[in-house]
Amino acid sequence: MSRGGAGWQGLAGPGSASQPAERTGVSPGVGAVPVGTVSTASTGRGAPVVRNLVRPVAPPMLTVREVAEELAVCRATVYALLERGELERVWVGRSIRIPAASLDALLARGAR
């Protein structure tokens, strides 16, 4: 149901928005800077806009299945290695992830 015919549940109808519609598929104007080369830019209204975020690279995390495939063993064997403390585990929610460095350390210990 709409109030006053302006839209559904208080939302503005098409063409009556206070913000201009986004234009897509338009070629950038003269002086436009590609997004990948600037970290912040001004919108012309004083608010800075972050263009790209730099995140630290996290070490790769492997699933139990991926570790089992890498070691050519079944998943139960990987769970046994986890229980004995031979592999490090990280809980992500209710899922187990194994740091790749932990698997490399296990392989290095076995190669002696």
C-alpha atoms as a PDB file:
ATOM      1  CA  MET A   1       0.000   0.000   0.000  1.00  0.00           C
ATOM      2  CA  SER A   2       1.268   3.437  -0.763  1.00  0.00           C
ATOM      3  CA  ARG A   3       0.707   6.660   1.061  1.00  0.00           C
ATOM      4  CA  GLY A   4      -0.248   9.556  -1.123  1.00  0.00           C
ATOM      5  CA  GLY A   5       0.773   7.688  -4.265  1.00  0.00           C
ATOM      6  CA  ALA A   6       4.443   8.588  -3.754  1.00  0.00           C
ATOM      7  CA  GLY A   7       5.651   5.006  -3.586  1.00  0.00           C
ATOM      8  CA  TRP A   8       5.394   1.785  -1.656  1.00  0.00           C
ATOM      9  CA  GLN A   9       5.895   2.036   2.124  1.00  0.00           C
ATOM     10  CA  GLY A  10       7.460   5.475   2.052  1.00  0.00           C
ATOM     11  CA  LEU A  11       9.836   4.819  -0.836  1.00  0.00           C
ATOM     12  CA  ALA A  12      10.029   7.450  -3.539  1.00  0.00           C
ATOM     13  CA  GLY A  13       8.664   6.527  -6.918  1.00  0.00           C
ATOM     14  CA  PRO A  14      10.753   6.569 -10.082  1.00  0.00           C
ATOM     15  CA  GLY A  15      11.894   9.991 -11.186  1.00  0.00           C
ATOM     16  CA  SER A  16      11.339  11.681  -7.826  1.00  0.00           C
ATOM     17  CA  ALA A  17      14.616  10.748  -6.138  1.00  0.00           C
ATOM     18  CA  SER A  18      16.694  13.446  -4.483  1.00  0.00           C
ATOM     19  CA  GLN A  19      19.932  11.932  -5.799  1.00  0.00           C
ATOM     20  CA  PRO A  20      20.801  11.832  -9.493  1.00  0.00           C
ATOM     21  CA  ALA A  21      20.603   8.420 -11.108  1.00  0.00           C
ATOM     22  CA  GLU A  22      23.874   6.563 -11.633  1.00  0.00           C
ATOM     23  CA  ARG A  23      25.073   6.671 -15.185  1.00  0.00           C
ATOM     24  CA  THR A  24      26.642   3.456 -16.379  1.00  0.00           C
ATOM     25  CA  GLY A  25      28.319   2.734 -19.671  1.00  0.00           C
ATOM     26  CA  VAL A  26      29.422   6.353 -20.072  1.00  0.00           C
ATOM     27  CA  SER A  27      33.008   6.936 -21.086  1.00  0.00           C
ATOM     28  CA  PRO A  28      35.037   8.932 -18.553  1.00  0.00           C
ATOM     29  CA  GLY A  29      35.471  12.596 -19.254  1.00  0.00           C
ATOM     30  CA  VAL A  30      38.679  14.479 -19.875  1.00  0.00           C
ATOM     31  CA  GLY A  31      40.904  14.407 -16.825  1.00  0.00           C
ATOM     32  CA  ALA A  32      39.350  11.253 -15.412  1.00  0.00           C
ATOM     33  CA  VAL A  33      41.752   9.127 -13.383  1.00  0.00           C
ATOM     34  CA  PRO A  34      41.504   5.319 -13.440  1.00  0.00           C
ATOM     35  CA  VAL A  35      40.328   3.896 -10.128  1.00  0.00           C
ATOM     36  CA  GLY A  36      43.444   1.797  -9.553  1.00  0.00           C
ATOM     37  CA  THR A  37      45.848   4.757  -9.417  1.00  0.00           C
ATOM     38  CA  VAL A  38      44.317   6.877  -6.645  1.00  0.00           C
ATOM     39  CA  SER A  39      43.695   5.960  -3.038  1.00  0.00           C
ATOM     40  CA  THR A  40      41.222   8.755  -2.277  1.00  0.00           C
ATOM     41  CA  ALA A  41      39.391  11.309  -4.338  1.00  0.00           C
ATOM     42  CA  SER A  42      37.061  14.165  -3.598  1.00  0.00           C
ATOM     43  CA  THR A  43      33.447  13.979  -4.698  1.00  0.00           C
ATOM     44  CA  GLY A  44      33.224  17.721  -5.261  1.00  0.00           C
ATOM     45  CA  ARG A  45      30.961  17.901  -2.244  1.00  0.00           C
ATOM     46  CA  GLY A  46      33.800  17.687   0.263  1.00  0.00           C
ATOM     47  CA  ALA A  47      33.489  14.007   1.151  1.00  0.00           C
ATOM     48  CA  PRO A  48      36.535  11.823   0.390  1.00  0.00           C
ATOM     49  CA  VAL A  49      35.871   8.558  -1.358  1.00  0.00           C
ATOM     50  CA  VAL A  50      38.148   5.565  -0.871  1.00  0.00           C
ATOM     51  CA  ARG A  51      38.921   4.115  -4.271  1.00  0.00           C
ATOM     52  CA  ASN A  52      40.932   1.021  -3.426  1.00  0.00           C
ATOM     53  CA  LEU A  53      41.750  -0.675  -0.166  1.00  0.00           C
ATOM     54  CA  VAL A  54      45.081  -2.226   0.666  1.00  0.00           C
ATOM     55  CA  ARG A  55      44.693  -5.308   2.827  1.00  0.00           C
ATOM     56  CA  PRO A  56      47.526  -7.322   4.275  1.00  0.00           C
ATOM     57  CA  VAL A  57      47.887 -10.643   2.544  1.00  0.00           C
ATOM     58  CA  ALA A  58      46.796 -13.379   4.928  1.00  0.00           C
ATOM     59  CA  PRO A  59      48.620 -16.691   4.861  1.00  0.00           C
ATOM     60  CA  PRO A  60      46.730 -19.274   2.838  1.00  0.00           C
ATOM     61  CA  MET A  61      44.368 -21.475   4.809  1.00  0.00           C
ATOM     62  CA  LEU A  62      43.480 -24.978   3.638  1.00  0.00           C
ATOM     63  CA  THR A  63      40.428 -27.104   4.288  1.00  0.00           C
ATOM     64  CA  VAL A  64      40.664 -30.615   5.725  1.00  0.00           C
ATOM     65  CA  ARG A  65      39.786 -32.011   2.297  1.00  0.00           C
ATOM     66  CA  GLU A  66      42.576 -30.031   0.596  1.00  0.00           C
ATOM     67  CA  VAL A  67      45.140 -31.228   3.153  1.00  0.00           C
ATOM     68  CA  ALA A  68      43.964 -34.826   2.713  1.00  0.00           C
ATOM     69  CA  GLU A  69      44.396 -34.534  -1.059  1.00  0.00           C
ATOM     70  CA  GLU A  70      47.842 -32.978  -0.635  1.00  0.00           C
ATOM     71  CA  LEU A  71      48.982 -35.782   1.673  1.00  0.00           C
ATOM     72  CA  ALA A  72      47.149 -38.482  -0.324  1.00  0.00           C
ATOM     73  CA  VAL A  73      45.356 -39.713   2.803  1.00  0.00           C
ATOM     74  CA  CYS A  74      41.724 -39.811   3.900  1.00  0.00           C
ATOM     75  CA  ARG A  75      40.111 -36.983   5.868  1.00  0.00           C
ATOM     76  CA  ALA A  76      40.007 -39.147   9.017  1.00  0.00           C
ATOM     77  CA  THR A  77      43.815 -39.251   8.964  1.00  0.00           C
ATOM     78  CA  VAL A  78      43.936 -35.446   8.784  1.00  0.00           C
ATOM     79  CA  TYR A  79      41.552 -35.221  11.763  1.00  0.00           C
ATOM     80  CA  ALA A  80      43.840 -37.622  13.651  1.00  0.00           C
ATOM     81  CA  LEU A  81      46.848 -35.404  12.863  1.00  0.00           C
ATOM     82  CA  LEU A  82      44.892 -32.433  14.174  1.00  0.00           C
ATOM     83  CA  GLU A  83      43.959 -34.263  17.391  1.00  0.00           C
ATOM     84  CA  ARG A  84      47.590 -35.278  18.008  1.00  0.00           C
ATOM     85  CA  GLY A  85      48.702 -31.676  17.497  1.00  0.00           C
ATOM     86  CA  GLU A  86      50.847 -32.455  14.476  1.00  0.00           C
ATOM     87  CA  LEU A  87      48.853 -29.937  12.436  1.00  0.00           C
ATOM     88  CA  GLU A  88      47.670 -26.548  13.627  1.00  0.00           C
ATOM     89  CA  ARG A  89      43.986 -25.764  13.302  1.00  0.00           C
ATOM     90  CA  VAL A  90      42.127 -22.478  13.092  1.00  0.00           C
ATOM     91  CA  TRP A  91      38.393 -22.348  13.647  1.00  0.00           C
ATOM     92  CA  VAL A  92      36.488 -20.163  11.195  1.00  0.00           C
ATOM     93  CA  GLY A  93      32.956 -20.296  12.489  1.00  0.00           C
ATOM     94  CA  ARG A  94      32.259 -24.003  12.710  1.00  0.00           C
ATOM     95  CA  SER A  95      34.808 -24.911  10.025  1.00  0.00           C
ATOM     96  CA  ILE A  96      38.403 -25.990  10.492  1.00  0.00           C
ATOM     97  CA  ARG A  97      41.115 -24.359   8.437  1.00  0.00           C
ATOM     98  CA  ILE A  98      44.745 -25.428   8.436  1.00  0.00           C
ATOM     99  CA  PRO A  99      47.478 -22.848   7.764  1.00  0.00           C
ATOM    100  CA  ALA A 100      49.621 -23.804   4.795  1.00  0.00           C
ATOM    101  CA  ALA A 101      52.715 -23.158   6.931  1.00  0.00           C
ATOM    102  CA  SER A 102      51.564 -25.878   9.343  1.00  0.00           C
ATOM    103  CA  LEU A 103      51.275 -28.368   6.481  1.00  0.00           C
ATOM    104  CA  ASP A 104      54.728 -27.336   5.196  1.00  0.00           C
ATOM    105  CA  ALA A 105      56.183 -27.864   8.681  1.00  0.00           C
ATOM    106  CA  LEU A 106      54.616 -31.322   8.877  1.00  0.00           C
ATOM    107  CA  LEU A 107      56.078 -32.259   5.503  1.00  0.00           C
ATOM    108  CA  ALA A 108      59.484 -30.890   6.505  1.00  0.00           C
ATOM    109  CA  ARG A 109      59.454 -32.993   9.716  1.00  0.00           C
ATOM    110  CA  GLY A 110      58.564 -36.086   7.703  1.00  0.00           C
ATOM    111  CA  ALA A 111      61.300 -35.491   5.121  1.00  0.00           C
ATOM    112  CA  ARG A 112      64.132 -35.812   7.683  1.00  0.00           C
END
